[in-house]
Amino acid sequence: MRDLTGRPGLLKKINVAKIMDLIRKQGPISRADLASALGISRPTVSKLITDLLQAEAIVEIGEGQSNGGKKPILLQINSKNAYVIGIHVTYPTIQVALADNIGTMLTRKEISADGSTDIIGSMIETILALLEAADLEASSLSAIGVAIAGIVNPQSGEIIQARVFPNLQGTEFKDALESKFGVPVWMDNDVYMGLWGQAASSEIRERSIAFVSIGELIGLGMMIEGKLYRGAKLAAGEIGDMIVDSRQQLADGFEPAGGYLEKYLNWKGTNRLFSAMESMESIGELTDEAAMRLLSQYQTRIACCLANVICVFDPERVVIGGEILRLPGSFLEGIDQQLRNLNSRSPRLEEAYYREDSELVGSIYYALQNVHKDLIDYSG
């Protein structure tokens, strides 16, 4: 753990972010309950709450129930104090949403990500349209969070590699949005934003978690010993490049751009069947034997991929997000059963709290976390 005793300003920023996060999740809440839940002294909490009230980031909404003494004053987030944009850049569609200071999505829109799309231009137009739909000015924005399918440096916002978006490499995407809207743009790999999305729903208490997004693209976000693990070249979790069947996956030779597992799973080739399944209660409703064999094959291939992840990583939890969650729950249960047959140590697969929106919610939550951390200037 970092020693912050010599950096009181930074410690206050971190405590403010923690307080705002807990009020967002559990509000209305009292000062005493905040202090108790966060392990921060009551005088410190009271001082920071005073600062937040002056900044109009939170509001007092009245008295709570008393346990025998004075009735506590309850606090909640001022939802209109800040607005952020969340973006999930993936294939075949890009999701964009406008959210308030609590993280509630006010408006959202989907953009096609085909090869002819001017992604940066379309993004700017879409953000302006969302603001107009919510009757807000561009000056109302406080930050933008971007989750992108690719290798990203979250410190600089540089897109190092985005296989399906080769024209987005570098910092042009971040620079264009910051230049247009005059707010900080926070960027990260989409599966790591998926982990942020999971954290947005509740406190993550486990020390090791795997977040796996499965759809047209597939990726892994890892938390190890309570910290996000990115690898030496920020490419940890790029399991779309994994080899599980070398004879079939390398039949056409080596592919410099990678994507072996994604091609092997062939989501696009099974998409018509998957689309038909979205309205089913259970895959047991399928009667076509060829379709059932195709589904079983897909489940086996995913299970093999996850078994390899678990052998190397050994996480406490495996959370599944992405387009796969549009399918009947029994489809994921079938993968879970095959995974247990392959590796008896596997934790049970869980559906992400925000399902296929996890990365989008994560980008919103990540932006808000940074906004809340910088609400008050404690540099003096």
Foldseek 3Di string as FASTA:
>chain_A
DDDCPVPVQLVLLLLLLLLQLCLLQPPQDFLVVSCVVVVHDSVSSVVSVVVCVVLQQKDFDQFDDDPPDDTTTTMHGPFQSAKEKFWEADPQKIKIFIGTLSLDTPDIDIGGNDPVDPVLVVVVVRVCVRCVVVVHDLLRHAEYFYAYAAQADQVQRAGCDHLSCRVRGGCPSQVSVCVVSVHHYGYHHLQVLLVLLLCSNDHDPFQWEWEWEDALAIWIWIGHRNHTDQDPRNPPTRCLQPDDDCCVLCVVHDDPSGRSLSVVLPRVVCVVVQVVQLPPQAPVPDDDPVNVVNLLVSLLSVLSSVLVVCVVRVGPAYEYAYPVVSGHPVSLVSSQVNNCVVPVSDDGYHYRPVHNCSSRSSRSSVGSSVCSSPSDRPPD
